[in-house]
Amino acid sequence: MLRLLEAVRYYKAIDPKLATRLVDEFDAALRRISLFPHGCKPISPKLRQCSLKVFPYVVIYAVAGNEIIIVALANTHRKPGYWKDRLA
């Protein structure tokens, strides 16, 4: 995930502990999604979002049968829906 790597680099430049915490929060979000795939906020008929607790990011994903497809790690401070071109 390119966006995750960019975010990690950004926070690492500020404080390496922030970068580690971001990765930990992202991993926790993925665990929540895998345990409760339909438990996060729906944002369209096919997509849901799982918010990170401290950082301004959401994991956008789809549930397709037994699979979970991560569409984006979206920064909530950017223009809404900037990641939608990835759906094509």
Protein backbone atom coordinates (compact mmCIF):
# COMPACT_ATOMS: atom_id res chain seq x y z
CA MET A 1 0.00 0.00 0.00
CA LEU A 2 1.72 3.06 -1.29
CA ARG A 3 -0.35 5.48 0.80
CA LEU A 4 0.54 3.65 3.99
CA LEU A 5 4.24 3.84 3.16
CA GLU A 6 3.94 7.55 2.39
CA ALA A 7 2.12 8.15 5.68
CA VAL A 8 4.69 6.12 7.61
CA ARG A 9 7.54 8.15 6.08
CA TYR A 10 5.74 11.39 6.91
CA TYR A 11 5.19 10.49 10.57
CA LYS A 12 8.65 8.94 10.91
CA ALA A 13 10.18 12.29 9.92
CA ILE A 14 8.25 13.88 12.78
CA ASP A 15 8.81 11.12 15.34
CA PRO A 16 9.60 7.42 14.72
CA LYS A 17 7.19 6.47 17.51
CA LEU A 18 4.34 8.06 15.54
CA ALA A 19 5.19 5.94 12.51
CA THR A 20 5.13 2.79 14.64
CA ARG A 21 1.81 3.79 16.17
CA LEU A 22 0.31 4.41 12.72
CA VAL A 23 1.31 0.93 11.56
CA ASP A 24 -0.09 -0.56 14.78
CA GLU A 25 -3.39 1.28 14.28
CA PHE A 26 -3.59 0.19 10.66
CA ASP A 27 -3.01 -3.44 11.72
CA ALA A 28 -5.70 -3.10 14.40
CA ALA A 29 -8.14 -1.73 11.81
CA LEU A 30 -7.43 -4.70 9.53
CA ARG A 31 -8.06 -7.08 12.44
CA ARG A 32 -11.40 -5.36 13.20
CA ILE A 33 -12.37 -5.58 9.53
CA SER A 34 -11.47 -9.28 9.33
CA LEU A 35 -13.39 -10.11 12.51
CA PHE A 36 -16.43 -7.97 11.70
CA PRO A 37 -16.43 -7.29 7.94
CA HIS A 38 -19.90 -5.74 8.00
CA GLY A 39 -19.33 -3.88 11.26
CA CYS A 40 -17.84 -0.67 9.90
CA LYS A 41 -19.66 2.30 8.44
CA PRO A 42 -21.12 1.75 4.97
CA ILE A 43 -20.29 4.56 2.54
CA SER A 44 -21.97 3.04 -0.54
CA PRO A 45 -23.83 -0.17 -1.33
CA LYS A 46 -20.51 -2.02 -1.83
CA LEU A 47 -17.99 -0.08 0.26
CA ARG A 48 -17.34 0.45 3.94
CA GLN A 49 -14.85 2.50 5.91
CA CYS A 50 -13.00 1.73 9.11
CA SER A 51 -11.52 4.71 10.93
CA LEU A 52 -8.15 4.68 12.61
CA LYS A 53 -8.49 5.87 16.18
CA VAL A 54 -5.81 8.58 16.41
CA PHE A 55 -4.69 9.34 12.87
CA PRO A 56 -6.83 11.08 10.22
CA TYR A 57 -7.19 8.01 8.01
CA VAL A 58 -9.88 5.53 7.08
CA VAL A 59 -9.49 2.12 5.46
CA ILE A 60 -11.91 1.88 2.54
CA TYR A 61 -12.82 -1.71 1.72
CA ALA A 62 -15.32 -4.02 0.06
CA VAL A 63 -16.60 -7.41 1.14
CA ALA A 64 -16.87 -9.88 -1.73
CA GLY A 65 -18.01 -13.26 -0.50
CA ASN A 66 -15.29 -14.50 1.84
CA GLU A 67 -12.80 -11.89 0.66
CA ILE A 68 -12.07 -8.40 1.89
CA ILE A 69 -10.70 -6.04 -0.72
CA ILE A 70 -8.81 -3.01 0.58
CA VAL A 71 -9.47 -0.14 -1.81
CA ALA A 72 -7.67 2.73 -0.09
CA LEU A 73 -6.10 4.15 2.99
CA ALA A 74 -7.69 7.57 2.71
CA ASN A 75 -6.65 10.72 4.51
CA THR A 76 -9.78 12.35 5.92
CA HIS A 77 -8.23 15.82 5.58
CA ARG A 78 -8.03 15.56 1.79
CA LYS A 79 -10.78 16.19 -0.72
CA PRO A 80 -13.55 13.62 -0.10
CA GLY A 81 -13.56 10.77 -2.58
CA TYR A 82 -10.12 11.53 -4.04
CA TRP A 83 -9.43 7.78 -4.02
CA LYS A 84 -12.47 6.80 -6.14
CA ASP A 85 -10.46 6.56 -9.36
CA ARG A 86 -8.95 3.37 -7.93
CA LEU A 87 -12.27 1.57 -8.33
CA ALA A 88 -11.99 1.25 -12.11
